[in-house]
Amino acid sequence: MVLPNSLSAYRIRIVRAIVDEVTSKLSPEQAKEFFAVVNLVTVIDENWVIPFELGEKYLSFLKKGDAAIAAYTEFVGAKALVSENRRHFYQYRDKFPFAVWDAAACLKELKKAS
């Protein structure tokens, strides 16, 4: 895998619950590769707490888990939420203070910046 030179200019954050969900679907070898990349370019948030009001705001139109993800994304001031479950977020994209990208769109943005 070749990562853009400018990747170090980004802070990629992943909530531990997402890491656990992803790795539960991977073989041991795939999980090893996943962590090799994750450890190079990300911060894994082990313990995160968002303001209740922020979560409530998103519960009005998203499922509980998606609302928590959206609230976290806003709380940390992220430029974008990257998710392959993009359709759950994409239909409400005008309600977010961040972009919603799938992996391909994220890579495209990273390449533009390099």
PDB file of N, CA and C in Angstrom:
ATOM      1  N   MET A   1       0.843  -1.165   0.000  1.00  0.00           N
ATOM      2  CA  MET A   1       0.000   0.000   0.000  1.00  0.00           C
ATOM      3  C   MET A   1       0.891   1.232   0.000  1.00  0.00           C
ATOM      4  N   VAL A   2       0.560   2.177  -0.842  1.00  0.00           N
ATOM      5  CA  VAL A   2       1.293   3.428  -0.904  1.00  0.00           C
ATOM      6  C   VAL A   2       0.381   4.521  -0.371  1.00  0.00           C
ATOM      7  N   LEU A   3       0.845   5.217   0.632  1.00  0.00           N
ATOM      8  CA  LEU A   3       0.069   6.296   1.227  1.00  0.00           C
ATOM      9  C   LEU A   3       0.600   7.634   0.737  1.00  0.00           C
ATOM     10  N   PRO A   4      -0.278   8.601   0.516  1.00  0.00           N
ATOM     11  CA  PRO A   4       0.179   9.917   0.063  1.00  0.00           C
ATOM     12  C   PRO A   4       1.153  10.543   1.054  1.00  0.00           C
ATOM     13  N   ASN A   5       2.125  11.280   0.531  1.00  0.00           N
ATOM     14  CA  ASN A   5       3.106  11.947   1.390  1.00  0.00           C
ATOM     15  C   ASN A   5       2.451  12.909   2.367  1.00  0.00           C
ATOM     16  N   SER A   6       1.346  13.505   1.949  1.00  0.00           N
ATOM     17  CA  SER A   6       0.696  14.510   2.788  1.00  0.00           C
ATOM     18  C   SER A   6      -0.149  13.903   3.896  1.00  0.00           C
ATOM     19  N   LEU A   7      -0.201  12.593   3.978  1.00  0.00           N
ATOM     20  CA  LEU A   7      -1.061  11.955   4.970  1.00  0.00           C
ATOM     21  C   LEU A   7      -0.711  12.389   6.387  1.00  0.00           C
ATOM     22  N   SER A   8       0.543  12.674   6.622  1.00  0.00           N
ATOM     23  CA  SER A   8       0.936  13.095   7.964  1.00  0.00           C
ATOM     24  C   SER A   8       0.306  14.430   8.351  1.00  0.00           C
ATOM     25  N   ALA A   9      -0.215  15.162   7.386  1.00  0.00           N
ATOM     26  CA  ALA A   9      -0.880  16.432   7.670  1.00  0.00           C
ATOM     27  C   ALA A   9      -2.284  16.220   8.218  1.00  0.00           C
ATOM     28  N   TYR A  10      -2.764  14.995   8.171  1.00  0.00           N
ATOM     29  CA  TYR A  10      -4.109  14.680   8.629  1.00  0.00           C
ATOM     30  C   TYR A  10      -4.068  13.944   9.955  1.00  0.00           C
ATOM     31  N   ARG A  11      -5.084  14.132  10.737  1.00  0.00           N
ATOM     32  CA  ARG A  11      -5.267  13.333  11.949  1.00  0.00           C
ATOM     33  C   ARG A  11      -6.494  12.470  11.689  1.00  0.00           C
ATOM     34  N   ILE A  12      -6.295  11.198  11.615  1.00  0.00           N
ATOM     35  CA  ILE A  12      -7.389  10.263  11.386  1.00  0.00           C
ATOM     36  C   ILE A  12      -7.748   9.655  12.729  1.00  0.00           C
ATOM     37  N   ARG A  13      -9.021   9.779  13.096  1.00  0.00           N
ATOM     38  CA  ARG A  13      -9.472   9.292  14.402  1.00  0.00           C
ATOM     39  C   ARG A  13     -10.453   8.154  14.190  1.00  0.00           C
ATOM     40  N   ILE A  14     -10.294   7.118  14.997  1.00  0.00           N
ATOM     41  CA  ILE A  14     -11.199   5.973  14.954  1.00  0.00           C
ATOM     42  C   ILE A  14     -11.598   5.642  16.388  1.00  0.00           C
ATOM     43  N   VAL A  15     -12.879   5.477  16.587  1.00  0.00           N
ATOM     44  CA  VAL A  15     -13.383   5.075  17.900  1.00  0.00           C
ATOM     45  C   VAL A  15     -13.109   3.583  18.075  1.00  0.00           C
ATOM     46  N   ARG A  16     -12.695   3.171  19.259  1.00  0.00           N
ATOM     47  CA  ARG A  16     -12.364   1.768  19.535  1.00  0.00           C
ATOM     48  C   ARG A  16     -13.491   0.833  19.114  1.00  0.00           C
ATOM     49  N   ALA A  17     -14.749   1.205  19.322  1.00  0.00           N
ATOM     50  CA  ALA A  17     -15.875   0.339  18.951  1.00  0.00           C
ATOM     51  C   ALA A  17     -15.867   0.037  17.456  1.00  0.00           C
ATOM     52  N   ILE A  18     -15.467   0.999  16.641  1.00  0.00           N
ATOM     53  CA  ILE A  18     -15.395   0.786  15.191  1.00  0.00           C
ATOM     54  C   ILE A  18     -14.238  -0.151  14.868  1.00  0.00           C
ATOM     55  N   VAL A  19     -13.104   0.042  15.515  1.00  0.00           N
ATOM     56  CA  VAL A  19     -11.958  -0.855  15.311  1.00  0.00           C
ATOM     57  C   VAL A  19     -12.357  -2.288  15.649  1.00  0.00           C
ATOM     58  N   ASP A  20     -13.043  -2.465  16.765  1.00  0.00           N
ATOM     59  CA  ASP A  20     -13.475  -3.805  17.169  1.00  0.00           C
ATOM     60  C   ASP A  20     -14.436  -4.414  16.156  1.00  0.00           C
ATOM     61  N   GLU A  21     -15.359  -3.601  15.640  1.00  0.00           N
ATOM     62  CA  GLU A  21     -16.312  -4.107  14.649  1.00  0.00           C
ATOM     63  C   GLU A  21     -15.603  -4.522  13.367  1.00  0.00           C
ATOM     64  N   VAL A  22     -14.686  -3.691  12.901  1.00  0.00           N
ATOM     65  CA  VAL A  22     -13.948  -4.003  11.671  1.00  0.00           C
ATOM     66  C   VAL A  22     -13.125  -5.269  11.847  1.00  0.00           C
ATOM     67  N   THR A  23     -12.361  -5.357  12.921  1.00  0.00           N
ATOM     68  CA  THR A  23     -11.472  -6.505  13.088  1.00  0.00           C
ATOM     69  C   THR A  23     -12.228  -7.802  13.342  1.00  0.00           C
ATOM     70  N   SER A  24     -13.447  -7.707  13.832  1.00  0.00           N
ATOM     71  CA  SER A  24     -14.234  -8.931  14.038  1.00  0.00           C
ATOM     72  C   SER A  24     -14.604  -9.596  12.719  1.00  0.00           C
ATOM     73  N   LYS A  25     -14.520  -8.843  11.641  1.00  0.00           N
ATOM     74  CA  LYS A  25     -14.878  -9.362  10.322  1.00  0.00           C
ATOM     75  C   LYS A  25     -13.652  -9.745   9.487  1.00  0.00           C
ATOM     76  N   LEU A  26     -12.473  -9.637  10.085  1.00  0.00           N
ATOM     77  CA  LEU A  26     -11.231  -9.909   9.367  1.00  0.00           C
ATOM     78  C   LEU A  26     -10.578 -11.200   9.840  1.00  0.00           C
ATOM     79  N   SER A  27      -9.820 -11.798   8.929  1.00  0.00           N
ATOM     80  CA  SER A  27      -8.994 -12.939   9.324  1.00  0.00           C
ATOM     81  C   SER A  27      -7.845 -12.403  10.174  1.00  0.00           C
ATOM     82  N   PRO A  28      -7.143 -13.277  10.902  1.00  0.00           N
ATOM     83  CA  PRO A  28      -6.000 -12.799  11.693  1.00  0.00           C
ATOM     84  C   PRO A  28      -4.958 -12.060  10.848  1.00  0.00           C
ATOM     85  N   GLU A  29      -4.703 -12.550   9.651  1.00  0.00           N
ATOM     86  CA  GLU A  29      -3.724 -11.888   8.778  1.00  0.00           C
ATOM     87  C   GLU A  29      -4.229 -10.517   8.327  1.00  0.00           C
ATOM     88  N   GLN A  30      -5.507 -10.433   7.972  1.00  0.00           N
ATOM     89  CA  GLN A  30      -6.080  -9.147   7.571  1.00  0.00           C
ATOM     90  C   GLN A  30      -6.076  -8.164   8.742  1.00  0.00           C
ATOM     91  N   ALA A  31      -6.373  -8.654   9.935  1.00  0.00           N
ATOM     92  CA  ALA A  31      -6.369  -7.792  11.121  1.00  0.00           C
ATOM     93  C   ALA A  31      -4.964  -7.241  11.373  1.00  0.00           C
ATOM     94  N   LYS A  32      -3.965  -8.081  11.179  1.00  0.00           N
ATOM     95  CA  LYS A  32      -2.578  -7.646  11.352  1.00  0.00           C
ATOM     96  C   LYS A  32      -2.246  -6.516  10.375  1.00  0.00           C
ATOM     97  N   GLU A  33      -2.660  -6.676   9.113  1.00  0.00           N
ATOM     98  CA  GLU A  33      -2.432  -5.637   8.105  1.00  0.00           C
ATOM     99  C   GLU A  33      -3.196  -4.363   8.458  1.00  0.00           C
ATOM    100  N   PHE A  34      -4.435  -4.534   8.901  1.00  0.00           N
ATOM    101  CA  PHE A  34      -5.260  -3.394   9.294  1.00  0.00           C
ATOM    102  C   PHE A  34      -4.564  -2.589  10.391  1.00  0.00           C
ATOM    103  N   PHE A  35      -4.094  -3.268  11.427  1.00  0.00           N
ATOM    104  CA  PHE A  35      -3.435  -2.566  12.528  1.00  0.00           C
ATOM    105  C   PHE A  35      -2.107  -1.946  12.103  1.00  0.00           C
ATOM    106  N   ALA A  36      -1.424  -2.557  11.143  1.00  0.00           N
ATOM    107  CA  ALA A  36      -0.179  -1.967  10.651  1.00  0.00           C
ATOM    108  C   ALA A  36      -0.447  -0.592  10.045  1.00  0.00           C
ATOM    109  N   VAL A  37      -1.519  -0.477   9.286  1.00  0.00           N
ATOM    110  CA  VAL A  37      -1.880   0.810   8.683  1.00  0.00           C
ATOM    111  C   VAL A  37      -2.444   1.753   9.736  1.00  0.00           C
ATOM    112  N   VAL A  38      -3.356   1.250  10.547  1.00  0.00           N
ATOM    113  CA  VAL A  38      -3.994   2.079  11.572  1.00  0.00           C
ATOM    114  C   VAL A  38      -2.951   2.691  12.501  1.00  0.00           C
ATOM    115  N   ASN A  39      -1.983   1.927  12.905  1.00  0.00           N
ATOM    116  CA  ASN A  39      -0.969   2.436  13.833  1.00  0.00           C
ATOM    117  C   ASN A  39      -0.075   3.502  13.209  1.00  0.00           C
ATOM    118  N   LEU A  40       0.014   3.516  11.889  1.00  0.00           N
ATOM    119  CA  LEU A  40       0.821   4.526  11.209  1.00  0.00           C
ATOM    120  C   LEU A  40       0.129   5.878  11.135  1.00  0.00           C
ATOM    121  N   VAL A  41      -1.183   5.860  10.941  1.00  0.00           N
ATOM    122  CA  VAL A  41      -1.853   7.106  10.552  1.00  0.00           C
ATOM    123  C   VAL A  41      -3.032   7.523  11.420  1.00  0.00           C
ATOM    124  N   THR A  42      -3.305   6.818  12.501  1.00  0.00           N
ATOM    125  CA  THR A  42      -4.517   7.159  13.235  1.00  0.00           C
ATOM    126  C   THR A  42      -4.300   7.323  14.728  1.00  0.00           C
ATOM    127  N   VAL A  43      -5.308   7.909  15.318  1.00  0.00           N
ATOM    128  CA  VAL A  43      -5.457   7.964  16.763  1.00  0.00           C
ATOM    129  C   VAL A  43      -6.689   7.132  17.068  1.00  0.00           C
ATOM    130  N   ILE A  44      -6.549   6.131  17.927  1.00  0.00           N
ATOM    131  CA  ILE A  44      -7.711   5.343  18.338  1.00  0.00           C
ATOM    132  C   ILE A  44      -8.197   5.916  19.657  1.00  0.00           C
ATOM    133  N   ASP A  45      -9.418   6.418  19.637  1.00  0.00           N
ATOM    134  CA  ASP A  45     -10.002   6.973  20.857  1.00  0.00           C
ATOM    135  C   ASP A  45     -10.588   5.842  21.684  1.00  0.00           C
ATOM    136  N   GLU A  46      -9.949   5.558  22.805  1.00  0.00           N
ATOM    137  CA  GLU A  46     -10.384   4.470  23.675  1.00  0.00           C
ATOM    138  C   GLU A  46     -11.613   4.856  24.492  1.00  0.00           C
ATOM    139  N   ASN A  47     -11.568   6.020  25.061  1.00  0.00           N
ATOM    140  CA  ASN A  47     -12.660   6.496  25.919  1.00  0.00           C
ATOM    141  C   ASN A  47     -13.102   7.855  25.410  1.00  0.00           C
ATOM    142  N   TRP A  48     -14.294   7.903  24.902  1.00  0.00           N
ATOM    143  CA  TRP A  48     -14.781   9.173  24.381  1.00  0.00           C
ATOM    144  C   TRP A  48     -16.176   9.443  24.920  1.00  0.00           C
ATOM    145  N   VAL A  49     -16.387  10.689  25.226  1.00  0.00           N
ATOM    146  CA  VAL A  49     -17.673  11.123  25.749  1.00  0.00           C
ATOM    147  C   VAL A  49     -18.062  12.368  24.970  1.00  0.00           C
ATOM    148  N   ILE A  50     -19.276  12.377  24.469  1.00  0.00           N
ATOM    149  CA  ILE A  50     -19.770  13.544  23.747  1.00  0.00           C
ATOM    150  C   ILE A  50     -20.896  14.176  24.552  1.00  0.00           C
ATOM    151  N   PRO A  51     -21.106  15.469  24.384  1.00  0.00           N
ATOM    152  CA  PRO A  51     -22.210  16.105  25.095  1.00  0.00           C
ATOM    153  C   PRO A  51     -23.553  15.472  24.716  1.00  0.00           C
ATOM    154  N   PHE A  52     -24.389  15.246  25.694  1.00  0.00           N
ATOM    155  CA  PHE A  52     -25.694  14.621  25.496  1.00  0.00           C
ATOM    156  C   PHE A  52     -26.504  15.344  24.426  1.00  0.00           C
ATOM    157  N   GLU A  53     -26.498  16.668  24.465  1.00  0.00           N
ATOM    158  CA  GLU A  53     -27.291  17.464  23.529  1.00  0.00           C
ATOM    159  C   GLU A  53     -26.873  17.218  22.085  1.00  0.00           C
ATOM    160  N   LEU A  54     -25.599  17.004  21.876  1.00  0.00           N
ATOM    161  CA  LEU A  54     -25.110  16.755  20.523  1.00  0.00           C
ATOM    162  C   LEU A  54     -25.629  15.419  20.009  1.00  0.00           C
ATOM    163  N   GLY A  55     -25.611  14.411  20.843  1.00  0.00           N
ATOM    164  CA  GLY A  55     -26.174  13.121  20.451  1.00  0.00           C
ATOM    165  C   GLY A  55     -27.663  13.209  20.194  1.00  0.00           C
ATOM    166  N   GLU A  56     -28.373  13.933  21.041  1.00  0.00           N
ATOM    167  CA  GLU A  56     -29.821  14.109  20.884  1.00  0.00           C
ATOM    168  C   GLU A  56     -30.162  14.770  19.556  1.00  0.00           C
ATOM    169  N   LYS A  57     -29.349  15.724  19.154  1.00  0.00           N
ATOM    170  CA  LYS A  57     -29.584  16.431  17.890  1.00  0.00           C
ATOM    171  C   LYS A  57     -29.663  15.443  16.725  1.00  0.00           C
ATOM    172  N   TYR A  58     -28.778  14.474  16.715  1.00  0.00           N
ATOM    173  CA  TYR A  58     -28.731  13.517  15.615  1.00  0.00           C
ATOM    174  C   TYR A  58     -29.732  12.382  15.766  1.00  0.00           C
ATOM    175  N   LEU A  59     -30.185  12.125  16.983  1.00  0.00           N
ATOM    176  CA  LEU A  59     -31.196  11.079  17.195  1.00  0.00           C
ATOM    177  C   LEU A  59     -32.533  11.424  16.555  1.00  0.00           C
ATOM    178  N   SER A  60     -32.739  12.687  16.242  1.00  0.00           N
ATOM    179  CA  SER A  60     -34.007  13.079  15.625  1.00  0.00           C
ATOM    180  C   SER A  60     -34.154  12.537  14.206  1.00  0.00           C
ATOM    181  N   PHE A  61     -33.037  12.122  13.575  1.00  0.00           N
ATOM    182  CA  PHE A  61     -33.144  11.597  12.212  1.00  0.00           C
ATOM    183  C   PHE A  61     -32.221  10.421  11.910  1.00  0.00           C
ATOM    184  N   LEU A  62     -31.409   9.987  12.860  1.00  0.00           N
ATOM    185  CA  LEU A  62     -30.534   8.834  12.654  1.00  0.00           C
ATOM    186  C   LEU A  62     -30.797   7.770  13.715  1.00  0.00           C
ATOM    187  N   LYS A  63     -30.430   6.535  13.387  1.00  0.00           N
ATOM    188  CA  LYS A  63     -30.482   5.460  14.383  1.00  0.00           C
ATOM    189  C   LYS A  63     -29.458   5.753  15.474  1.00  0.00           C
ATOM    190  N   LYS A  64     -29.626   5.126  16.618  1.00  0.00           N
ATOM    191  CA  LYS A  64     -28.797   5.396  17.795  1.00  0.00           C
ATOM    192  C   LYS A  64     -27.296   5.311  17.501  1.00  0.00           C
ATOM    193  N   GLY A  65     -26.849   4.227  16.890  1.00  0.00           N
ATOM    194  CA  GLY A  65     -25.423   4.061  16.604  1.00  0.00           C
ATOM    195  C   GLY A  65     -24.907   5.093  15.620  1.00  0.00           C
ATOM    196  N   ASP A  66     -25.697   5.371  14.580  1.00  0.00           N
ATOM    197  CA  ASP A  66     -25.302   6.375  13.594  1.00  0.00           C
ATOM    198  C   ASP A  66     -25.291   7.767  14.213  1.00  0.00           C
ATOM    199  N   ALA A  67     -26.246   8.034  15.100  1.00  0.00           N
ATOM    200  CA  ALA A  67     -26.289   9.332  15.783  1.00  0.00           C
ATOM    201  C   ALA A  67     -25.038   9.527  16.636  1.00  0.00           C
ATOM    202  N   ALA A  68     -24.595   8.478  17.307  1.00  0.00           N
ATOM    203  CA  ALA A  68     -23.379   8.564  18.124  1.00  0.00           C
ATOM    204  C   ALA A  68     -22.159   8.842  17.254  1.00  0.00           C
ATOM    205  N   ILE A  69     -22.091   8.188  16.104  1.00  0.00           N
ATOM    206  CA  ILE A  69     -20.964   8.403  15.189  1.00  0.00           C
ATOM    207  C   ILE A  69     -20.974   9.835  14.664  1.00  0.00           C
ATOM    208  N   ALA A  70     -22.136  10.318  14.251  1.00  0.00           N
ATOM    209  CA  ALA A  70     -22.243  11.691  13.746  1.00  0.00           C
ATOM    210  C   ALA A  70     -21.887  12.700  14.836  1.00  0.00           C
ATOM    211  N   ALA A  71     -22.381  12.471  16.041  1.00  0.00           N
ATOM    212  CA  ALA A  71     -22.095  13.383  17.151  1.00  0.00           C
ATOM    213  C   ALA A  71     -20.599  13.396  17.466  1.00  0.00           C
ATOM    214  N   TYR A  72     -19.977  12.231  17.473  1.00  0.00           N
ATOM    215  CA  TYR A  72     -18.534  12.144  17.712  1.00  0.00           C
ATOM    216  C   TYR A  72     -17.774  12.905  16.626  1.00  0.00           C
ATOM    217  N   THR A  73     -18.178  12.706  15.379  1.00  0.00           N
ATOM    218  CA  THR A  73     -17.507  13.358  14.251  1.00  0.00           C
ATOM    219  C   THR A  73     -17.565  14.874  14.395  1.00  0.00           C
ATOM    220  N   GLU A  74     -18.729  15.378  14.754  1.00  0.00           N
ATOM    221  CA  GLU A  74     -18.854  16.826  14.969  1.00  0.00           C
ATOM    222  C   GLU A  74     -18.053  17.263  16.191  1.00  0.00           C
ATOM    223  N   PHE A  75     -18.133  16.513  17.269  1.00  0.00           N
ATOM    224  CA  PHE A  75     -17.483  16.880  18.531  1.00  0.00           C
ATOM    225  C   PHE A  75     -15.972  17.036  18.382  1.00  0.00           C
ATOM    226  N   VAL A  76     -15.350  16.168  17.600  1.00  0.00           N
ATOM    227  CA  VAL A  76     -13.893  16.256  17.432  1.00  0.00           C
ATOM    228  C   VAL A  76     -13.497  17.250  16.343  1.00  0.00           C
ATOM    229  N   GLY A  77     -14.497  17.858  15.691  1.00  0.00           N
ATOM    230  CA  GLY A  77     -14.208  18.858  14.670  1.00  0.00           C
ATOM    231  C   GLY A  77     -13.667  18.277  13.383  1.00  0.00           C
ATOM    232  N   ALA A  78     -14.082  17.067  13.057  1.00  0.00           N
ATOM    233  CA  ALA A  78     -13.578  16.399  11.858  1.00  0.00           C
ATOM    234  C   ALA A  78     -14.064  17.088  10.584  1.00  0.00           C
ATOM    235  N   LYS A  79     -13.219  17.078   9.582  1.00  0.00           N
ATOM    236  CA  LYS A  79     -13.583  17.614   8.272  1.00  0.00           C
ATOM    237  C   LYS A  79     -14.564  16.681   7.577  1.00  0.00           C
ATOM    238  N   ALA A  80     -14.415  15.379   7.820  1.00  0.00           N
ATOM    239  CA  ALA A  80     -15.258  14.408   7.122  1.00  0.00           C
ATOM    240  C   ALA A  80     -15.450  13.153   7.952  1.00  0.00           C
ATOM    241  N   LEU A  81     -16.554  12.495   7.690  1.00  0.00           N
ATOM    242  CA  LEU A  81     -16.843  11.163   8.209  1.00  0.00           C
ATOM    243  C   LEU A  81     -16.632  10.208   7.049  1.00  0.00           C
ATOM    244  N   VAL A  82     -15.783   9.215   7.236  1.00  0.00           N
ATOM    245  CA  VAL A  82     -15.521   8.230   6.190  1.00  0.00           C
ATOM    246  C   VAL A  82     -16.190   6.936   6.601  1.00  0.00           C
ATOM    247  N   SER A  83     -17.122   6.478   5.762  1.00  0.00           N
ATOM    248  CA  SER A  83     -17.887   5.279   6.099  1.00  0.00           C
ATOM    249  C   SER A  83     -18.367   4.591   4.835  1.00  0.00           C
ATOM    250  N   GLU A  84     -18.305   3.285   4.835  1.00  0.00           N
ATOM    251  CA  GLU A  84     -18.895   2.525   3.738  1.00  0.00           C
ATOM    252  C   GLU A  84     -20.403   2.384   3.936  1.00  0.00           C
ATOM    253  N   ASN A  85     -20.897   2.745   5.100  1.00  0.00           N
ATOM    254  CA  ASN A  85     -22.339   2.818   5.336  1.00  0.00           C
ATOM    255  C   ASN A  85     -22.826   4.222   5.006  1.00  0.00           C
ATOM    256  N   ARG A  86     -22.240   4.782   4.005  1.00  0.00           N
ATOM    257  CA  ARG A  86     -22.461   6.168   3.628  1.00  0.00           C
ATOM    258  C   ARG A  86     -23.925   6.477   3.371  1.00  0.00           C
ATOM    259  N   ARG A  87     -24.685   5.533   2.846  1.00  0.00           N
ATOM    260  CA  ARG A  87     -26.082   5.809   2.503  1.00  0.00           C
ATOM    261  C   ARG A  87     -26.884   6.227   3.722  1.00  0.00           C
ATOM    262  N   HIS A  88     -26.512   5.704   4.902  1.00  0.00           N
ATOM    263  CA  HIS A  88     -27.219   6.098   6.118  1.00  0.00           C
ATOM    264  C   HIS A  88     -26.987   7.565   6.452  1.00  0.00           C
ATOM    265  N   PHE A  89     -25.839   8.070   6.088  1.00  0.00           N
ATOM    266  CA  PHE A  89     -25.494   9.452   6.378  1.00  0.00           C
ATOM    267  C   PHE A  89     -25.727  10.367   5.180  1.00  0.00           C
ATOM    268  N   TYR A  90     -25.566   9.833   3.979  1.00  0.00           N
ATOM    269  CA  TYR A  90     -25.564  10.669   2.778  1.00  0.00           C
ATOM    270  C   TYR A  90     -26.894  11.380   2.558  1.00  0.00           C
ATOM    271  N   GLN A  91     -27.995  10.720   2.862  1.00  0.00           N
ATOM    272  CA  GLN A  91     -29.286  11.355   2.608  1.00  0.00           C
ATOM    273  C   GLN A  91     -29.510  12.575   3.505  1.00  0.00           C
ATOM    274  N   TYR A  92     -28.761  12.678   4.585  1.00  0.00           N
ATOM    275  CA  TYR A  92     -28.880  13.818   5.499  1.00  0.00           C
ATOM    276  C   TYR A  92     -27.649  14.725   5.454  1.00  0.00           C
ATOM    277  N   ARG A  93     -26.852  14.616   4.410  1.00  0.00           N
ATOM    278  CA  ARG A  93     -25.562  15.307   4.350  1.00  0.00           C
ATOM    279  C   ARG A  93     -25.660  16.815   4.576  1.00  0.00           C
ATOM    280  N   ASP A  94     -26.793  17.419   4.230  1.00  0.00           N
ATOM    281  CA  ASP A  94     -26.944  18.864   4.427  1.00  0.00           C
ATOM    282  C   ASP A  94     -27.127  19.237   5.895  1.00  0.00           C
ATOM    283  N   LYS A  95     -27.355  18.259   6.748  1.00  0.00           N
ATOM    284  CA  LYS A  95     -27.569  18.526   8.174  1.00  0.00           C
ATOM    285  C   LYS A  95     -26.285  18.423   8.998  1.00  0.00           C
ATOM    286  N   PHE A  96     -25.181  18.047   8.355  1.00  0.00           N
ATOM    287  CA  PHE A  96     -23.923  17.841   9.067  1.00  0.00           C
ATOM    288  C   PHE A  96     -22.948  18.988   8.818  1.00  0.00           C
ATOM    289  N   PRO A  97     -22.148  19.342   9.816  1.00  0.00           N
ATOM    290  CA  PRO A  97     -21.096  20.336   9.613  1.00  0.00           C
ATOM    291  C   PRO A  97     -19.799  19.698   9.095  1.00  0.00           C
ATOM    292  N   PHE A  98     -19.897  18.511   8.532  1.00  0.00           N
ATOM    293  CA  PHE A  98     -18.753  17.776   7.994  1.00  0.00           C
ATOM    294  C   PHE A  98     -19.195  17.063   6.723  1.00  0.00           C
ATOM    295  N   ALA A  99     -18.215  16.712   5.894  1.00  0.00           N
ATOM    296  CA  ALA A  99     -18.498  15.961   4.671  1.00  0.00           C
ATOM    297  C   ALA A  99     -18.708  14.491   5.014  1.00  0.00           C
ATOM    298  N   VAL A 100     -19.379  13.771   4.127  1.00  0.00           N
ATOM    299  CA  VAL A 100     -19.568  12.326   4.276  1.00  0.00           C
ATOM    300  C   VAL A 100     -18.951  11.673   3.045  1.00  0.00           C
ATOM    301  N   TRP A 101     -17.899  10.889   3.273  1.00  0.00           N
ATOM    302  CA  TRP A 101     -17.173  10.245   2.183  1.00  0.00           C
ATOM    303  C   TRP A 101     -17.167   8.736   2.366  1.00  0.00           C
ATOM    304  N   ASP A 102     -17.129   8.016   1.241  1.00  0.00           N
ATOM    305  CA  ASP A 102     -16.800   6.596   1.311  1.00  0.00           C
ATOM    306  C   ASP A 102     -15.278   6.504   1.160  1.00  0.00           C
ATOM    307  N   ALA A 103     -14.732   5.301   1.217  1.00  0.00           N
ATOM    308  CA  ALA A 103     -13.272   5.143   1.169  1.00  0.00           C
ATOM    309  C   ALA A 103     -12.681   5.698  -0.123  1.00  0.00           C
ATOM    310  N   ALA A 104     -13.359   5.467  -1.250  1.00  0.00           N
ATOM    311  CA  ALA A 104     -12.851   5.954  -2.535  1.00  0.00           C
ATOM    312  C   ALA A 104     -12.786   7.482  -2.561  1.00  0.00           C
ATOM    313  N   ALA A 105     -13.821   8.131  -2.056  1.00  0.00           N
ATOM    314  CA  ALA A 105     -13.827   9.600  -2.013  1.00  0.00           C
ATOM    315  C   ALA A 105     -12.739  10.118  -1.079  1.00  0.00           C
ATOM    316  N   CYS A 106     -12.518   9.425   0.021  1.00  0.00           N
ATOM    317  CA  CYS A 106     -11.469   9.817   0.964  1.00  0.00           C
ATOM    318  C   CYS A 106     -10.098   9.740   0.298  1.00  0.00           C
ATOM    319  N   LEU A 107      -9.832   8.641  -0.385  1.00  0.00           N
ATOM    320  CA  LEU A 107      -8.542   8.502  -1.075  1.00  0.00           C
ATOM    321  C   LEU A 107      -8.371   9.582  -2.135  1.00  0.00           C
ATOM    322  N   LYS A 108      -9.445   9.905  -2.826  1.00  0.00           N
ATOM    323  CA  LYS A 108      -9.403  10.966  -3.841  1.00  0.00           C
ATOM    324  C   LYS A 108      -9.025  12.298  -3.190  1.00  0.00           C
ATOM    325  N   GLU A 109      -9.630  12.604  -2.058  1.00  0.00           N
ATOM    326  CA  GLU A 109      -9.317  13.841  -1.340  1.00  0.00           C
ATOM    327  C   GLU A 109      -7.865  13.846  -0.862  1.00  0.00           C
ATOM    328  N   LEU A 110      -7.392  12.718  -0.361  1.00  0.00           N
ATOM    329  CA  LEU A 110      -6.003  12.631   0.096  1.00  0.00           C
ATOM    330  C   LEU A 110      -5.029  12.831  -1.059  1.00  0.00           C
ATOM    331  N   LYS A 111      -5.348  12.269  -2.218  1.00  0.00           N
ATOM    332  CA  LYS A 111      -4.478  12.431  -3.386  1.00  0.00           C
ATOM    333  C   LYS A 111      -4.456  13.878  -3.858  1.00  0.00           C
ATOM    334  N   LYS A 112      -5.605  14.562  -3.784  1.00  0.00           N
ATOM    335  CA  LYS A 112      -5.658  15.975  -4.175  1.00  0.00           C
ATOM    336  C   LYS A 112      -4.735  16.811  -3.300  1.00  0.00           C
ATOM    337  N   ALA A 113      -4.641  16.448  -2.048  1.00  0.00           N
ATOM    338  CA  ALA A 113      -3.850  17.221  -1.092  1.00  0.00           C
ATOM    339  C   ALA A 113      -2.353  16.932  -1.194  1.00  0.00           C
ATOM    340  N   SER A 114      -1.987  15.846  -1.877  1.00  0.00           N
ATOM    341  CA  SER A 114      -0.553  15.507  -1.917  1.00  0.00           C
ATOM    342  C   SER A 114       0.149  16.120  -3.097  1.00  0.00           C
TER     343      SER A 114
END
